C-alpha atoms as a PDB file:
ATOM      1  CA  MET A   1     141.239  47.643  90.384  1.00  0.00           C
ATOM      2  CA  LYS A   2     143.535  50.644  90.214  1.00  0.00           C
ATOM      3  CA  LYS A   3     147.138  49.972  89.294  1.00  0.00           C
ATOM      4  CA  THR A   4     149.788  51.501  91.494  1.00  0.00           C
ATOM      5  CA  ASN A   5     152.699  52.872  89.573  1.00  0.00           C
ATOM      6  CA  LYS A   6     156.308  53.146  90.641  1.00  0.00           C
ATOM      7  CA  LYS A   7     156.139  56.941  90.951  1.00  0.00           C
ATOM      8  CA  SER A   8     153.191  56.903  93.360  1.00  0.00           C
ATOM      9  CA  LEU A   9     154.863  54.206  95.468  1.00  0.00           C
ATOM     10  CA  GLU A  10     158.035  56.264  95.656  1.00  0.00           C
ATOM     11  CA  GLU A  11     156.058  59.361  96.654  1.00  0.00           C
ATOM     12  CA  ALA A  12     154.267  57.418  99.386  1.00  0.00           C
ATOM     13  CA  ARG A  13     157.582  56.023 100.649  1.00  0.00           C
ATOM     14  CA  LYS A  14     159.040  59.527 100.755  1.00  0.00           C
ATOM     15  CA  ARG A  15     156.017  60.882 102.677  1.00  0.00           C
ATOM     16  CA  ASN A  16     156.255  58.019 105.167  1.00  0.00           C
ATOM     17  CA  HIS A  17     159.977  58.617 105.642  1.00  0.00           C
ATOM     18  CA  GLU A  18     159.450  62.355 106.189  1.00  0.00           C
ATOM     19  CA  GLY A  19     156.687  61.655 108.705  1.00  0.00           C
ATOM     20  CA  ASN A  20     158.859  59.155 110.555  1.00  0.00           C
ATOM     21  CA  MET A  21     161.770  61.582 110.694  1.00  0.00           C
ATOM     22  CA  LYS A  22     159.524  64.366 111.999  1.00  0.00           C
ATOM     23  CA  TYR A  23     158.224  62.074 114.744  1.00  0.00           C
ATOM     24  CA  ILE A  24     161.759  61.036 115.722  1.00  0.00           C
ATOM     25  CA  GLU A  25     162.897  64.662 115.885  1.00  0.00           C
ATOM     26  CA  GLN A  26     159.918  65.591 118.083  1.00  0.00           C
ATOM     27  CA  TYR A  27     160.510  62.597 120.346  1.00  0.00           C
ATOM     28  CA  VAL A  28     164.205  63.438 120.739  1.00  0.00           C
ATOM     29  CA  GLU A  29     163.289  67.005 121.723  1.00  0.00           C
ATOM     30  CA  TRP A  30     160.800  65.670 124.271  1.00  0.00           C
ATOM     31  CA  LEU A  31     163.455  63.313 125.672  1.00  0.00           C
ATOM     32  CA  LYS A  32     165.952  66.168 125.995  1.00  0.00           C
ATOM     33  CA  LYS A  33     163.580  68.327 128.043  1.00  0.00           C
ATOM     34  CA  THR A  34     161.920  65.568 130.101  1.00  0.00           C
ATOM     35  CA  PRO A  35     163.520  64.265 133.293  1.00  0.00           C
ATOM     36  CA  ASN A  36     164.836  60.701 133.097  1.00  0.00           C
ATOM     37  CA  SER A  37     162.510  59.636 135.909  1.00  0.00           C
ATOM     38  CA  VAL A  38     159.473  60.555 133.782  1.00  0.00           C
ATOM     39  CA  TRP A  39     160.390  58.942 130.482  1.00  0.00           C
ATOM     40  CA  SER A  40     162.062  55.906 132.025  1.00  0.00           C
ATOM     41  CA  LYS A  41     158.880  55.225 134.015  1.00  0.00           C
ATOM     42  CA  GLN A  42     156.852  55.414 130.795  1.00  0.00           C
ATOM     43  CA  GLN A  43     159.267  53.050 129.067  1.00  0.00           C
ATOM     44  CA  ALA A  44     159.064  50.592 131.970  1.00  0.00           C
ATOM     45  CA  GLU A  45     155.244  50.675 131.872  1.00  0.00           C
ATOM     46  CA  PHE A  46     155.291  50.080 128.125  1.00  0.00           C
ATOM     47  CA  ILE A  47     157.738  47.179 128.373  1.00  0.00           C
ATOM     48  CA  ASP A  48     155.762  45.657 131.231  1.00  0.00           C
ATOM     49  CA  SER A  49     152.539  45.843 129.210  1.00  0.00           C
ATOM     50  CA  VAL A  50     154.218  44.215 126.196  1.00  0.00           C
ATOM     51  CA  MET A  51     155.578  41.416 128.373  1.00  0.00           C
ATOM     52  CA  LYS A  52     152.203  40.901 130.053  1.00  0.00           C
ATOM     53  CA  SER A  53     150.485  40.729 126.678  1.00  0.00           C
ATOM     54  CA  ALA A  54     153.078  38.288 125.333  1.00  0.00           C
ATOM     55  CA  ASN A  55     152.620  36.073 128.367  1.00  0.00           C
ATOM     56  CA  MET A  56     148.832  36.163 127.993  1.00  0.00           C
ATOM     57  CA  ASP A  57     149.223  35.233 124.332  1.00  0.00           C
ATOM     58  CA  LYS A  58     151.420  32.295 125.348  1.00  0.00           C
ATOM     59  CA  GLU A  59     148.770  31.096 127.806  1.00  0.00           C
ATOM     60  CA  LEU A  60     146.024  31.455 125.196  1.00  0.00           C
ATOM     61  CA  TYR A  61     148.105  29.632 122.587  1.00  0.00           C
ATOM     62  CA  MET A  62     148.758  26.762 124.971  1.00  0.00           C
ATOM     63  CA  LYS A  63     145.078  26.567 125.886  1.00  0.00           C
ATOM     64  CA  ILE A  64     144.021  26.522 122.227  1.00  0.00           C
ATOM     65  CA  LYS A  65     146.526  23.786 121.435  1.00  0.00           C
ATOM     66  CA  GLY A  66     145.228  21.752 124.364  1.00  0.00           C
ATOM     67  CA  MET A  67     148.539  21.938 126.148  1.00  0.00           C
ATOM     68  CA  LYS A  68     147.040  23.551 129.208  1.00  0.00           C
ATOM     69  CA  LYS A  69     143.710  22.971 130.865  1.00  0.00           C
END
């Protein structure tokens, strides 16, 4: 098994940080030029899908635990 050294971990962390910052900058630019009605609709759809998934997970959990038939 290959050992990971501190330097390579730091380099990976730096690359990840740079990638994250680039994404954030691109997203901010998109938000600035996109009408609120467009991006707020996308956010609402995303939140709704997360809530639906969470609720389905709750139902599945209860079924597995025998709490719901």
